[in-house]
Amino acid sequence: MTIIEQIIEELSNSDKSLTNPLLKTKVLASRIGNKELMDWTNKELSGYNEEELPNYRYAKSNLVCTMQQGFNIQENVPLPLMVFPKDFINEMIRHRLEESVQTLENQEKENKNGLLYKEFGPDMCAMLSKMALEAGQNFTISNLRVIVHIGQITQALSVIRSILLDFMLKLEKELPNLDEILKNKLGVKENLNEKIEKIYNQTIINASGTGNTITTGDYNRVKTKITINKGNIEELKEELRKYNVSEDDISEISEVLETEKPDYTNSKFGEKTNNWIQKMISKTLNGTWQIATGTAGGILVELIKNYYGM
């Protein structure tokens, strides 16, 4: 059995680890003198450092924190993403899977609750609290964590297996005598190297891409033009209905806004307005308001800021 056949057989069995076929791919890359294949294999075996990752090694994640507003403390609630700049949030929720394939496989196997956590330090919490204040939200953030579902790791491993299998199958089909050339130590001729390079580009490079951007769903919707003239409560009500806010909740915030004035100097909402926003975020958690939890607060902030003309 040729080395390519061995690799194909191991890759075809999803119950087997990816480490052995990657090690054999490293041997193959050395024998054929393909630096690009060697570099990619080494990174998958040893892990990535600070460089940009392939697309499949970025995982979607959720940001969860403790939010405090006065004496009101809510633990393990989604960070209201829309309060913060889009590009900044996109980077925060784009979790890097830098570890070696073997480490990822161990995480997938040993994880009991299906979730992975990464803690942010107090400096990040302080910066987010300041940014929220500048956006008119008077709350502080602590205990910020990134939560990644283990299925994201399973997906990354599946992509690695698939693209390596595609490479080997194409290599076997287009260069059926490659193993014989290697065994007889005839050397890999220049035109043969060109074919291997082409196959590598068509399979591994084409599937890897560069670092992708994970968008924040409903975040993009609120950035469309909002037609609320300053102080026009009817226009605000209409916009809230577009986001499926109930009539009772619309009536409540309408009464609040007509009686409570914001701090225009410091771009801060009043206490009752902030309390209503927090209540609406809680409704996304229990399912009584059907909208993405992480973007709910930001949507409401944007609409109310337009109403106030801030």
C-alpha atoms as a PDB file:
ATOM      1  CA  MET A   1       0.000   0.000   0.000  1.00  0.00           C
ATOM      2  CA  THR A   2       1.444   3.394  -1.016  1.00  0.00           C
ATOM      3  CA  ILE A   3       1.784   6.234   1.468  1.00  0.00           C
ATOM      4  CA  ILE A   4      -0.993   8.127  -0.327  1.00  0.00           C
ATOM      5  CA  GLU A   5      -3.293   5.095  -0.052  1.00  0.00           C
ATOM      6  CA  GLN A   6      -2.489   4.837   3.666  1.00  0.00           C
ATOM      7  CA  ILE A   7      -3.351   8.489   4.215  1.00  0.00           C
ATOM      8  CA  ILE A   8      -6.585   8.179   2.233  1.00  0.00           C
ATOM      9  CA  GLU A   9      -7.640   5.113   4.207  1.00  0.00           C
ATOM     10  CA  GLU A  10      -7.064   6.819   7.565  1.00  0.00           C
ATOM     11  CA  LEU A  11      -8.772  10.038   6.493  1.00  0.00           C
ATOM     12  CA  SER A  12     -11.791   8.082   5.238  1.00  0.00           C
ATOM     13  CA  ASN A  13     -12.464   6.792   8.753  1.00  0.00           C
ATOM     14  CA  SER A  14     -13.868   9.691  10.803  1.00  0.00           C
ATOM     15  CA  ASP A  15     -13.342   7.705  14.022  1.00  0.00           C
ATOM     16  CA  LYS A  16      -9.572   7.850  13.588  1.00  0.00           C
ATOM     17  CA  SER A  17      -7.436  10.757  14.733  1.00  0.00           C
ATOM     18  CA  LEU A  18      -6.137  13.262  12.194  1.00  0.00           C
ATOM     19  CA  THR A  19      -2.661  13.212  13.741  1.00  0.00           C
ATOM     20  CA  ASN A  20      -1.375  10.072  11.989  1.00  0.00           C
ATOM     21  CA  PRO A  21      -2.438  11.060   8.446  1.00  0.00           C
ATOM     22  CA  LEU A  22      -0.987  14.538   9.036  1.00  0.00           C
ATOM     23  CA  LEU A  23       2.331  13.008  10.157  1.00  0.00           C
ATOM     24  CA  LYS A  24       2.399  10.854   7.030  1.00  0.00           C
ATOM     25  CA  THR A  25       1.559  13.931   4.959  1.00  0.00           C
ATOM     26  CA  LYS A  26       4.588  15.610   6.511  1.00  0.00           C
ATOM     27  CA  VAL A  27       6.739  12.683   5.379  1.00  0.00           C
ATOM     28  CA  LEU A  28       5.255  12.924   1.899  1.00  0.00           C
ATOM     29  CA  ALA A  29       5.849  16.693   1.775  1.00  0.00           C
ATOM     30  CA  SER A  30       9.487  16.116   2.684  1.00  0.00           C
ATOM     31  CA  ARG A  31       9.968  13.437   0.036  1.00  0.00           C
ATOM     32  CA  ILE A  32       8.459  15.498  -2.760  1.00  0.00           C
ATOM     33  CA  GLY A  33      10.144  18.688  -1.540  1.00  0.00           C
ATOM     34  CA  ASN A  34       6.948  20.739  -1.291  1.00  0.00           C
ATOM     35  CA  LYS A  35       7.552  23.571   1.194  1.00  0.00           C
ATOM     36  CA  GLU A  36       3.964  24.882   1.152  1.00  0.00           C
ATOM     37  CA  LEU A  37       2.501  21.491   2.035  1.00  0.00           C
ATOM     38  CA  MET A  38       5.151  21.053   4.743  1.00  0.00           C
ATOM     39  CA  ASP A  39       4.377  24.451   6.290  1.00  0.00           C
ATOM     40  CA  TRP A  40       0.624  23.841   6.345  1.00  0.00           C
ATOM     41  CA  THR A  41       1.055  20.352   7.826  1.00  0.00           C
ATOM     42  CA  ASN A  42       3.413  21.631  10.526  1.00  0.00           C
ATOM     43  CA  LYS A  43       0.941  24.321  11.565  1.00  0.00           C
ATOM     44  CA  GLU A  44      -1.908  21.837  11.807  1.00  0.00           C
ATOM     45  CA  LEU A  45       0.273  19.480  13.853  1.00  0.00           C
ATOM     46  CA  SER A  46       1.880  22.083  16.139  1.00  0.00           C
ATOM     47  CA  GLY A  47      -0.670  24.882  16.201  1.00  0.00           C
ATOM     48  CA  TYR A  48      -0.703  28.407  14.838  1.00  0.00           C
ATOM     49  CA  ASN A  49       0.931  31.430  16.425  1.00  0.00           C
ATOM     50  CA  GLU A  50       0.104  35.084  15.837  1.00  0.00           C
ATOM     51  CA  GLU A  51      -0.369  34.816  12.082  1.00  0.00           C
ATOM     52  CA  GLU A  52      -3.723  35.041  10.348  1.00  0.00           C
ATOM     53  CA  LEU A  53      -5.590  31.755  10.543  1.00  0.00           C
ATOM     54  CA  PRO A  54      -7.336  29.823   7.766  1.00  0.00           C
ATOM     55  CA  ASN A  55     -11.072  30.492   7.621  1.00  0.00           C
ATOM     56  CA  TYR A  56     -11.966  27.165   9.181  1.00  0.00           C
ATOM     57  CA  ARG A  57      -9.985  27.983  12.344  1.00  0.00           C
ATOM     58  CA  TYR A  58     -12.204  30.909  13.326  1.00  0.00           C
ATOM     59  CA  ALA A  59     -15.135  29.918  15.517  1.00  0.00           C
ATOM     60  CA  LYS A  60     -18.349  31.802  16.128  1.00  0.00           C
ATOM     61  CA  SER A  61     -18.782  32.647  19.794  1.00  0.00           C
ATOM     62  CA  ASN A  62     -21.022  34.432  22.281  1.00  0.00           C
ATOM     63  CA  LEU A  63     -19.981  37.088  24.783  1.00  0.00           C
ATOM     64  CA  VAL A  64     -21.440  36.766  28.274  1.00  0.00           C
ATOM     65  CA  CYS A  65     -20.848  39.079  31.221  1.00  0.00           C
ATOM     66  CA  THR A  66     -22.077  40.498  34.511  1.00  0.00           C
ATOM     67  CA  MET A  67     -23.834  43.838  34.009  1.00  0.00           C
ATOM     68  CA  GLN A  68     -24.404  46.274  36.857  1.00  0.00           C
ATOM     69  CA  GLN A  69     -26.541  49.385  36.795  1.00  0.00           C
ATOM     70  CA  GLY A  70     -26.775  51.006  40.202  1.00  0.00           C
ATOM     71  CA  PHE A  71     -27.842  48.265  42.625  1.00  0.00           C
ATOM     72  CA  ASN A  72     -29.215  46.107  39.786  1.00  0.00           C
ATOM     73  CA  ILE A  73     -26.805  43.267  38.980  1.00  0.00           C
ATOM     74  CA  GLN A  74     -27.408  40.695  36.231  1.00  0.00           C
ATOM     75  CA  GLU A  75     -25.045  37.764  35.931  1.00  0.00           C
ATOM     76  CA  ASN A  76     -24.328  35.608  32.868  1.00  0.00           C
ATOM     77  CA  VAL A  77     -26.215  37.856  30.463  1.00  0.00           C
ATOM     78  CA  PRO A  78     -25.248  38.380  26.805  1.00  0.00           C
ATOM     79  CA  LEU A  79     -23.159  41.453  26.142  1.00  0.00           C
ATOM     80  CA  PRO A  80     -25.347  43.961  24.226  1.00  0.00           C
ATOM     81  CA  LEU A  81     -23.232  43.946  21.084  1.00  0.00           C
ATOM     82  CA  MET A  82     -24.937  46.815  19.328  1.00  0.00           C
ATOM     83  CA  VAL A  83     -23.777  49.310  21.927  1.00  0.00           C
ATOM     84  CA  PHE A  84     -20.230  48.934  20.613  1.00  0.00           C
ATOM     85  CA  PRO A  85     -18.547  49.594  17.234  1.00  0.00           C
ATOM     86  CA  LYS A  86     -19.212  46.871  14.669  1.00  0.00           C
ATOM     87  CA  ASP A  87     -15.583  46.160  13.714  1.00  0.00           C
ATOM     88  CA  PHE A  88     -14.551  45.964  17.356  1.00  0.00           C
ATOM     89  CA  ILE A  89     -17.275  43.442  18.196  1.00  0.00           C
ATOM     90  CA  ASN A  90     -16.589  41.373  15.075  1.00  0.00           C
ATOM     91  CA  GLU A  91     -13.021  40.864  16.290  1.00  0.00           C
ATOM     92  CA  MET A  92     -14.135  39.993  19.814  1.00  0.00           C
ATOM     93  CA  ILE A  93     -16.590  37.284  18.763  1.00  0.00           C
ATOM     94  CA  ARG A  94     -14.184  35.814  16.211  1.00  0.00           C
ATOM     95  CA  HIS A  95     -12.596  33.146  18.414  1.00  0.00           C
ATOM     96  CA  ARG A  96      -9.238  31.815  17.193  1.00  0.00           C
ATOM     97  CA  LEU A  97      -8.723  28.047  17.228  1.00  0.00           C
ATOM     98  CA  GLU A  98      -4.926  28.188  17.324  1.00  0.00           C
ATOM     99  CA  GLU A  99      -4.251  24.855  19.003  1.00  0.00           C
ATOM    100  CA  SER A 100      -2.773  21.766  17.374  1.00  0.00           C
ATOM    101  CA  VAL A 101      -5.107  19.221  15.812  1.00  0.00           C
ATOM    102  CA  GLN A 102      -4.406  16.792  18.646  1.00  0.00           C
ATOM    103  CA  THR A 103      -5.312  19.416  21.258  1.00  0.00           C
ATOM    104  CA  LEU A 104      -8.532  20.244  19.424  1.00  0.00           C
ATOM    105  CA  GLU A 105      -9.401  16.555  19.250  1.00  0.00           C
ATOM    106  CA  ASN A 106      -8.787  16.217  22.992  1.00  0.00           C
ATOM    107  CA  GLN A 107     -10.984  19.231  23.713  1.00  0.00           C
ATOM    108  CA  GLU A 108     -13.735  17.744  21.586  1.00  0.00           C
ATOM    109  CA  LYS A 109     -13.460  14.372  23.347  1.00  0.00           C
ATOM    110  CA  GLU A 110     -13.061  15.555  26.949  1.00  0.00           C
ATOM    111  CA  ASN A 111     -15.550  18.412  26.995  1.00  0.00           C
ATOM    112  CA  LYS A 112     -18.520  17.427  29.136  1.00  0.00           C
ATOM    113  CA  ASN A 113     -21.006  20.292  28.811  1.00  0.00           C
ATOM    114  CA  GLY A 114     -20.481  21.095  25.133  1.00  0.00           C
ATOM    115  CA  LEU A 115     -19.058  24.565  25.765  1.00  0.00           C
ATOM    116  CA  LEU A 116     -15.607  26.144  25.943  1.00  0.00           C
ATOM    117  CA  TYR A 117     -14.909  29.332  27.892  1.00  0.00           C
ATOM    118  CA  LYS A 118     -12.316  32.069  27.642  1.00  0.00           C
ATOM    119  CA  GLU A 119     -12.097  34.784  30.292  1.00  0.00           C
ATOM    120  CA  PHE A 120     -11.277  38.419  29.517  1.00  0.00           C
ATOM    121  CA  GLY A 121      -9.259  40.475  31.974  1.00  0.00           C
ATOM    122  CA  PRO A 122     -10.462  43.513  33.975  1.00  0.00           C
ATOM    123  CA  ASP A 123      -8.831  45.919  31.506  1.00  0.00           C
ATOM    124  CA  MET A 124     -11.161  44.790  28.723  1.00  0.00           C
ATOM    125  CA  CYS A 125     -14.181  45.026  31.044  1.00  0.00           C
ATOM    126  CA  ALA A 126     -13.204  48.561  32.032  1.00  0.00           C
ATOM    127  CA  MET A 127     -12.775  49.586  28.391  1.00  0.00           C
ATOM    128  CA  LEU A 128     -16.182  48.171  27.437  1.00  0.00           C
ATOM    129  CA  SER A 129     -17.837  49.910  30.376  1.00  0.00           C
ATOM    130  CA  LYS A 130     -16.339  53.202  29.218  1.00  0.00           C
ATOM    131  CA  MET A 131     -17.464  52.610  25.634  1.00  0.00           C
ATOM    132  CA  ALA A 132     -20.984  51.799  26.831  1.00  0.00           C
ATOM    133  CA  LEU A 133     -21.094  55.012  28.844  1.00  0.00           C
ATOM    134  CA  GLU A 134     -20.006  56.996  25.801  1.00  0.00           C
ATOM    135  CA  ALA A 135     -22.862  55.322  23.864  1.00  0.00           C
ATOM    136  CA  GLY A 136     -25.407  56.509  26.429  1.00  0.00           C
ATOM    137  CA  GLN A 137     -25.594  53.301  28.470  1.00  0.00           C
ATOM    138  CA  ASN A 138     -24.953  53.749  32.187  1.00  0.00           C
ATOM    139  CA  PHE A 139     -23.839  50.244  33.161  1.00  0.00           C
ATOM    140  CA  THR A 140     -20.568  48.562  34.070  1.00  0.00           C
ATOM    141  CA  ILE A 141     -19.305  45.219  32.794  1.00  0.00           C
ATOM    142  CA  SER A 142     -17.353  42.557  34.653  1.00  0.00           C
ATOM    143  CA  ASN A 143     -16.650  38.819  34.387  1.00  0.00           C
ATOM    144  CA  LEU A 144     -16.626  38.941  30.586  1.00  0.00           C
ATOM    145  CA  ARG A 145     -16.312  35.540  28.900  1.00  0.00           C
ATOM    146  CA  VAL A 146     -16.305  34.142  25.399  1.00  0.00           C
ATOM    147  CA  ILE A 147     -18.381  30.979  25.023  1.00  0.00           C
ATOM    148  CA  VAL A 148     -17.686  28.640  22.098  1.00  0.00           C
ATOM    149  CA  HIS A 149     -19.840  25.608  21.363  1.00  0.00           C
ATOM    150  CA  ILE A 150     -17.825  22.418  20.964  1.00  0.00           C
ATOM    151  CA  GLY A 151     -19.516  21.921  17.592  1.00  0.00           C
ATOM    152  CA  GLN A 152     -17.294  24.701  16.234  1.00  0.00           C
ATOM    153  CA  ILE A 153     -14.229  22.536  16.954  1.00  0.00           C
ATOM    154  CA  THR A 154     -15.904  19.511  15.393  1.00  0.00           C
ATOM    155  CA  GLN A 155     -16.570  21.596  12.292  1.00  0.00           C
ATOM    156  CA  ALA A 156     -12.945  22.795  12.073  1.00  0.00           C
ATOM    157  CA  LEU A 157     -11.609  19.246  12.370  1.00  0.00           C
ATOM    158  CA  SER A 158     -14.065  18.066   9.748  1.00  0.00           C
ATOM    159  CA  VAL A 159     -12.858  20.728   7.303  1.00  0.00           C
ATOM    160  CA  ILE A 160      -9.198  19.796   7.881  1.00  0.00           C
ATOM    161  CA  ARG A 161      -9.988  16.138   7.221  1.00  0.00           C
ATOM    162  CA  SER A 162     -11.999  16.970   4.114  1.00  0.00           C
ATOM    163  CA  ILE A 163      -9.489  19.277   2.425  1.00  0.00           C
ATOM    164  CA  LEU A 164      -6.571  16.944   3.109  1.00  0.00           C
ATOM    165  CA  LEU A 165      -8.589  14.039   1.710  1.00  0.00           C
ATOM    166  CA  ASP A 166      -9.442  16.104  -1.391  1.00  0.00           C
ATOM    167  CA  PHE A 167      -5.743  16.829  -1.883  1.00  0.00           C
ATOM    168  CA  MET A 168      -4.741  13.184  -1.570  1.00  0.00           C
ATOM    169  CA  LEU A 169      -7.500  11.908  -3.855  1.00  0.00           C
ATOM    170  CA  LYS A 170      -6.581  14.428  -6.533  1.00  0.00           C
ATOM    171  CA  LEU A 171      -2.893  13.621  -6.109  1.00  0.00           C
ATOM    172  CA  GLU A 172      -3.631   9.908  -6.495  1.00  0.00           C
ATOM    173  CA  LYS A 173      -5.730  10.487  -9.605  1.00  0.00           C
ATOM    174  CA  GLU A 174      -3.430  12.894 -11.452  1.00  0.00           C
ATOM    175  CA  LEU A 175      -0.096  11.392 -10.353  1.00  0.00           C
ATOM    176  CA  PRO A 176      -0.703   7.631 -10.041  1.00  0.00           C
ATOM    177  CA  ASN A 177       3.016   6.827 -10.386  1.00  0.00           C
ATOM    178  CA  LEU A 178       4.202   9.272  -7.717  1.00  0.00           C
ATOM    179  CA  ASP A 179       4.931   6.580  -5.138  1.00  0.00           C
ATOM    180  CA  GLU A 180       7.010   4.622  -7.667  1.00  0.00           C
ATOM    181  CA  ILE A 181       9.048   7.725  -8.447  1.00  0.00           C
ATOM    182  CA  LEU A 182       9.687   8.271  -4.754  1.00  0.00           C
ATOM    183  CA  LYS A 183      10.594   4.629  -4.086  1.00  0.00           C
ATOM    184  CA  ASN A 184      13.083   4.526  -6.948  1.00  0.00           C
ATOM    185  CA  LYS A 185      14.558   7.830  -5.788  1.00  0.00           C
ATOM    186  CA  LEU A 186      14.268   9.225  -9.269  1.00  0.00           C
ATOM    187  CA  GLY A 187      13.631  12.693  -7.870  1.00  0.00           C
ATOM    188  CA  VAL A 188      10.649  14.902  -8.401  1.00  0.00           C
ATOM    189  CA  LYS A 189      11.004  16.617 -11.700  1.00  0.00           C
ATOM    190  CA  GLU A 190      10.144  20.274 -12.139  1.00  0.00           C
ATOM    191  CA  ASN A 191       6.971  19.638 -14.144  1.00  0.00           C
ATOM    192  CA  LEU A 192       5.850  17.151 -11.482  1.00  0.00           C
ATOM    193  CA  ASN A 193       6.351  19.774  -8.788  1.00  0.00           C
ATOM    194  CA  GLU A 194       4.255  22.190 -10.802  1.00  0.00           C
ATOM    195  CA  LYS A 195       1.413  19.661 -10.904  1.00  0.00           C
ATOM    196  CA  ILE A 196       1.636  19.098  -7.142  1.00  0.00           C
ATOM    197  CA  GLU A 197       1.647  22.849  -6.539  1.00  0.00           C
ATOM    198  CA  LYS A 198      -1.443  23.241  -8.696  1.00  0.00           C
ATOM    199  CA  ILE A 199      -3.275  20.482  -6.812  1.00  0.00           C
ATOM    200  CA  TYR A 200      -2.288  22.062  -3.494  1.00  0.00           C
ATOM    201  CA  ASN A 201      -3.642  25.437  -4.588  1.00  0.00           C
ATOM    202  CA  GLN A 202      -6.879  23.901  -5.873  1.00  0.00           C
ATOM    203  CA  THR A 203      -7.610  21.987  -2.668  1.00  0.00           C
ATOM    204  CA  ILE A 204      -5.898  23.176   0.520  1.00  0.00           C
ATOM    205  CA  ILE A 205      -5.295  26.839  -0.328  1.00  0.00           C
ATOM    206  CA  ASN A 206      -8.672  27.260  -2.002  1.00  0.00           C
ATOM    207  CA  ALA A 207     -10.463  25.832   1.053  1.00  0.00           C
ATOM    208  CA  SER A 208      -8.352  27.674   3.622  1.00  0.00           C
ATOM    209  CA  GLY A 209      -8.715  31.251   2.458  1.00  0.00           C
ATOM    210  CA  THR A 210      -7.822  34.025   4.883  1.00  0.00           C
ATOM    211  CA  GLY A 211      -9.350  35.148   8.128  1.00  0.00           C
ATOM    212  CA  ASN A 212     -13.073  35.602   7.689  1.00  0.00           C
ATOM    213  CA  THR A 213     -15.388  38.096   9.322  1.00  0.00           C
ATOM    214  CA  ILE A 214     -18.235  36.854  11.465  1.00  0.00           C
ATOM    215  CA  THR A 215     -21.018  39.371  11.373  1.00  0.00           C
ATOM    216  CA  THR A 216     -23.354  40.026  14.229  1.00  0.00           C
ATOM    217  CA  GLY A 217     -26.662  39.237  12.584  1.00  0.00           C
ATOM    218  CA  ASP A 218     -29.293  41.853  13.383  1.00  0.00           C
ATOM    219  CA  TYR A 219     -26.504  44.359  13.957  1.00  0.00           C
ATOM    220  CA  ASN A 220     -26.448  45.113  10.238  1.00  0.00           C
ATOM    221  CA  ARG A 221     -30.179  45.704  10.061  1.00  0.00           C
ATOM    222  CA  VAL A 222     -30.171  48.584  12.541  1.00  0.00           C
ATOM    223  CA  LYS A 223     -27.453  50.322  10.574  1.00  0.00           C
ATOM    224  CA  THR A 224     -29.886  50.925   7.728  1.00  0.00           C
ATOM    225  CA  LYS A 225     -31.502  54.351   7.524  1.00  0.00           C
ATOM    226  CA  ILE A 226     -33.809  55.025  10.474  1.00  0.00           C
ATOM    227  CA  THR A 227     -36.545  57.547   9.728  1.00  0.00           C
ATOM    228  CA  ILE A 228     -37.259  58.955  13.178  1.00  0.00           C
ATOM    229  CA  ASN A 229     -37.481  62.707  13.467  1.00  0.00           C
ATOM    230  CA  LYS A 230     -36.435  64.106  16.808  1.00  0.00           C
ATOM    231  CA  GLY A 231     -39.279  63.848  19.321  1.00  0.00           C
ATOM    232  CA  ASN A 232     -41.649  62.003  16.964  1.00  0.00           C
ATOM    233  CA  ILE A 233     -43.035  59.244  19.176  1.00  0.00           C
ATOM    234  CA  GLU A 234     -45.218  57.749  16.420  1.00  0.00           C
ATOM    235  CA  GLU A 235     -42.222  57.174  14.177  1.00  0.00           C
ATOM    236  CA  LEU A 236     -40.380  55.542  17.086  1.00  0.00           C
ATOM    237  CA  LYS A 237     -43.352  53.255  17.730  1.00  0.00           C
ATOM    238  CA  GLU A 238     -43.391  52.193  14.096  1.00  0.00           C
ATOM    239  CA  GLU A 239     -39.681  51.349  14.166  1.00  0.00           C
ATOM    240  CA  LEU A 240     -40.116  49.333  17.384  1.00  0.00           C
ATOM    241  CA  ARG A 241     -42.901  47.328  15.744  1.00  0.00           C
ATOM    242  CA  LYS A 242     -40.490  46.378  12.956  1.00  0.00           C
ATOM    243  CA  TYR A 243     -38.434  44.597  15.621  1.00  0.00           C
ATOM    244  CA  ASN A 244     -41.487  42.807  17.037  1.00  0.00           C
ATOM    245  CA  VAL A 245     -41.629  44.816  20.266  1.00  0.00           C
ATOM    246  CA  SER A 246     -45.035  44.218  21.893  1.00  0.00           C
ATOM    247  CA  GLU A 247     -47.637  46.984  22.078  1.00  0.00           C
ATOM    248  CA  ASP A 248     -47.521  46.937  25.888  1.00  0.00           C
ATOM    249  CA  ASP A 249     -43.768  47.495  25.870  1.00  0.00           C
ATOM    250  CA  ILE A 250     -44.103  50.218  23.239  1.00  0.00           C
ATOM    251  CA  SER A 251     -46.710  51.996  25.374  1.00  0.00           C
ATOM    252  CA  GLU A 252     -44.467  51.745  28.417  1.00  0.00           C
ATOM    253  CA  ILE A 253     -41.387  53.257  26.779  1.00  0.00           C
ATOM    254  CA  SER A 254     -43.544  55.932  25.091  1.00  0.00           C
ATOM    255  CA  GLU A 255     -44.765  57.148  28.487  1.00  0.00           C
ATOM    256  CA  VAL A 256     -41.224  57.098  29.855  1.00  0.00           C
ATOM    257  CA  LEU A 257     -39.739  59.067  26.955  1.00  0.00           C
ATOM    258  CA  GLU A 258     -42.458  61.700  27.079  1.00  0.00           C
ATOM    259  CA  THR A 259     -41.762  62.412  30.759  1.00  0.00           C
ATOM    260  CA  GLU A 260     -38.055  61.640  31.211  1.00  0.00           C
ATOM    261  CA  LYS A 261     -35.320  63.795  29.685  1.00  0.00           C
ATOM    262  CA  PRO A 262     -31.863  62.491  28.803  1.00  0.00           C
ATOM    263  CA  ASP A 263     -28.532  64.052  29.690  1.00  0.00           C
ATOM    264  CA  TYR A 264     -27.641  65.550  26.307  1.00  0.00           C
ATOM    265  CA  THR A 265     -24.326  66.909  27.566  1.00  0.00           C
ATOM    266  CA  ASN A 266     -22.985  63.470  28.462  1.00  0.00           C
ATOM    267  CA  SER A 267     -25.165  61.505  25.981  1.00  0.00           C
ATOM    268  CA  LYS A 268     -26.821  59.465  28.741  1.00  0.00           C
ATOM    269  CA  PHE A 269     -30.350  58.113  28.957  1.00  0.00           C
ATOM    270  CA  GLY A 270     -32.497  58.538  32.037  1.00  0.00           C
ATOM    271  CA  GLU A 271     -32.815  55.837  34.689  1.00  0.00           C
ATOM    272  CA  LYS A 272     -36.295  54.688  33.611  1.00  0.00           C
ATOM    273  CA  THR A 273     -35.214  54.428  29.974  1.00  0.00           C
ATOM    274  CA  ASN A 274     -32.191  52.330  30.887  1.00  0.00           C
ATOM    275  CA  ASN A 275     -34.342  50.108  33.110  1.00  0.00           C
ATOM    276  CA  TRP A 276     -36.761  49.517  30.224  1.00  0.00           C
ATOM    277  CA  ILE A 277     -33.888  48.541  27.916  1.00  0.00           C
ATOM    278  CA  GLN A 278     -32.569  46.093  30.510  1.00  0.00           C
ATOM    279  CA  LYS A 279     -36.040  44.616  30.912  1.00  0.00           C
ATOM    280  CA  MET A 280     -36.290  44.088  27.155  1.00  0.00           C
ATOM    281  CA  ILE A 281     -32.904  42.325  27.104  1.00  0.00           C
ATOM    282  CA  SER A 282     -34.203  39.994  29.824  1.00  0.00           C
ATOM    283  CA  LYS A 283     -37.198  39.198  27.614  1.00  0.00           C
ATOM    284  CA  THR A 284     -34.896  37.891  24.911  1.00  0.00           C
ATOM    285  CA  LEU A 285     -33.436  35.448  27.428  1.00  0.00           C
ATOM    286  CA  ASN A 286     -36.795  33.916  28.366  1.00  0.00           C
ATOM    287  CA  GLY A 287     -38.075  33.982  24.787  1.00  0.00           C
ATOM    288  CA  THR A 288     -40.894  36.512  25.224  1.00  0.00           C
ATOM    289  CA  TRP A 289     -39.190  38.866  22.760  1.00  0.00           C
ATOM    290  CA  GLN A 290     -38.081  37.041  19.635  1.00  0.00           C
ATOM    291  CA  ILE A 291     -34.846  38.728  18.626  1.00  0.00           C
ATOM    292  CA  ALA A 292     -31.143  37.946  18.898  1.00  0.00           C
ATOM    293  CA  THR A 293     -30.192  38.490  22.528  1.00  0.00           C
ATOM    294  CA  GLY A 294     -26.732  39.886  21.904  1.00  0.00           C
ATOM    295  CA  THR A 295     -28.015  42.638  19.605  1.00  0.00           C
ATOM    296  CA  ALA A 296     -31.271  43.559  21.366  1.00  0.00           C
ATOM    297  CA  GLY A 297     -29.902  46.288  23.623  1.00  0.00           C
ATOM    298  CA  GLY A 298     -27.995  47.961  20.820  1.00  0.00           C
ATOM    299  CA  ILE A 299     -31.052  48.088  18.574  1.00  0.00           C
ATOM    300  CA  LEU A 300     -33.082  49.836  21.266  1.00  0.00           C
ATOM    301  CA  VAL A 301     -30.245  52.229  22.076  1.00  0.00           C
ATOM    302  CA  GLU A 302     -29.926  53.212  18.408  1.00  0.00           C
ATOM    303  CA  LEU A 303     -33.660  53.822  18.012  1.00  0.00           C
ATOM    304  CA  ILE A 304     -33.981  55.866  21.199  1.00  0.00           C
ATOM    305  CA  LYS A 305     -30.893  57.915  20.338  1.00  0.00           C
ATOM    306  CA  ASN A 306     -32.520  58.779  17.020  1.00  0.00           C
ATOM    307  CA  TYR A 307     -35.733  59.738  18.801  1.00  0.00           C
ATOM    308  CA  TYR A 308     -33.783  62.042  21.132  1.00  0.00           C
ATOM    309  CA  GLY A 309     -31.720  63.422  18.247  1.00  0.00           C
ATOM    310  CA  MET A 310     -28.481  62.378  19.957  1.00  0.00           C
END
